[in-house]
Protein backbone atom coordinates (compact mmCIF):
# COMPACT_ATOMS: atom_id res chain seq x y z
CA MET A 1 -70.34 78.96 13.78
CA GLU A 2 -70.18 82.65 12.89
CA LYS A 3 -73.43 83.29 14.79
CA VAL A 4 -72.03 81.58 17.90
CA LEU A 5 -68.98 83.88 17.79
CA GLN A 6 -71.22 86.93 17.29
CA LEU A 7 -73.26 85.97 20.36
CA LEU A 8 -70.12 85.40 22.45
CA ASN A 9 -68.75 88.81 21.42
CA GLU A 10 -72.09 90.43 22.28
CA MET A 11 -72.09 88.74 25.70
CA GLU A 12 -68.56 89.99 26.29
CA SER A 13 -69.43 93.56 25.28
CA GLN A 14 -72.47 93.51 27.61
CA GLY A 15 -70.34 92.29 30.52
CA LEU A 16 -72.13 88.93 30.86
CA ILE A 17 -68.77 87.19 30.37
CA ARG A 18 -65.24 88.58 30.55
CA ARG A 19 -63.41 86.40 28.00
CA TYR A 20 -64.00 83.15 26.15
CA ALA A 21 -62.07 80.38 24.42
CA ILE A 22 -63.13 77.61 22.07
CA GLY A 23 -62.11 74.11 23.13
CA GLY A 24 -62.68 70.49 22.23
CA GLY A 25 -62.78 69.06 18.73
CA MET A 26 -63.64 72.44 17.17
CA ALA A 27 -60.44 73.98 18.57
CA VAL A 28 -58.37 71.07 17.24
CA MET A 29 -59.50 71.95 13.70
CA PHE A 30 -57.40 75.13 13.89
CA TYR A 31 -54.19 73.22 14.68
CA ALA A 32 -54.52 69.66 13.35
CA GLU A 33 -56.37 67.46 10.90
CA PRO A 34 -60.15 68.03 10.86
CA VAL A 35 -62.20 65.71 13.05
CA LEU A 36 -65.93 65.11 13.26
CA THR A 37 -67.51 67.01 16.13
CA GLN A 38 -71.13 67.74 16.87
CA ASP A 39 -70.70 70.59 19.32
CA ILE A 40 -68.64 73.65 20.15
CA ASP A 41 -67.07 73.66 23.60
CA ILE A 42 -66.83 77.21 25.00
CA PHE A 43 -64.93 78.16 28.15
CA VAL A 44 -65.80 81.54 29.67
CA LEU A 45 -64.58 83.77 32.48
CA LEU A 46 -67.52 85.23 34.35
CA PRO A 47 -67.42 88.73 35.80
CA PRO A 48 -66.36 88.94 39.46
CA THR A 49 -69.15 88.82 42.01
CA GLU A 50 -69.56 89.20 45.75
CA GLU A 51 -71.94 86.22 45.84
CA LEU A 52 -70.87 82.79 47.09
CA ILE A 53 -73.04 81.01 44.50
CA ILE A 54 -72.60 81.57 40.77
CA VAL A 55 -75.95 82.37 39.16
CA LEU A 56 -76.21 81.66 35.42
CA THR A 57 -79.68 83.16 34.98
CA PRO A 58 -78.36 86.23 33.08
CA LEU A 59 -76.75 83.91 30.50
CA HIS A 60 -79.94 81.85 30.10
CA ASP A 61 -81.99 85.05 29.78
CA PHE A 62 -79.60 86.39 27.12
CA PHE A 63 -80.13 83.33 24.90
CA GLN A 64 -83.86 82.99 25.53
CA GLN A 65 -84.44 86.65 24.60
CA ARG A 66 -82.84 85.83 21.24
CA GLY A 67 -85.04 82.77 20.72
CA TYR A 68 -82.42 80.08 21.40
CA GLN A 69 -83.37 76.97 23.34
CA PHE A 70 -81.47 74.52 25.50
CA ARG A 71 -81.52 70.93 24.28
CA GLY A 72 -80.39 68.72 27.14
CA LEU A 73 -76.97 69.96 28.22
CA HIS A 74 -76.48 72.02 25.06
CA LEU A 75 -77.67 75.32 23.72
CA GLU A 76 -78.65 75.09 20.06
CA VAL A 77 -77.50 78.12 18.02
CA GLU A 78 -78.19 78.07 14.28
CA GLY A 79 -77.83 74.27 14.20
CA TRP A 80 -74.68 74.20 16.37
CA LEU A 81 -74.74 72.57 19.81
CA VAL A 82 -72.83 74.79 22.23
């Protein structure tokens, strides 16, 4: 999970996202009894834009340049589904 957080911090410093939060079962582990989860849910604020349509290409490019692949609806980062 450390690599996922490093990537999120890098995306934030590059301005690809403004802020992020971890949700779902992974977030529950910080406040309650551990539960089995197979993914990390991430919520992000994207930078403001003048466009009417949100384009996620810069985010896809960021991960592909680092060798990460999408697997269905998830991005696989060091064995974690994000």
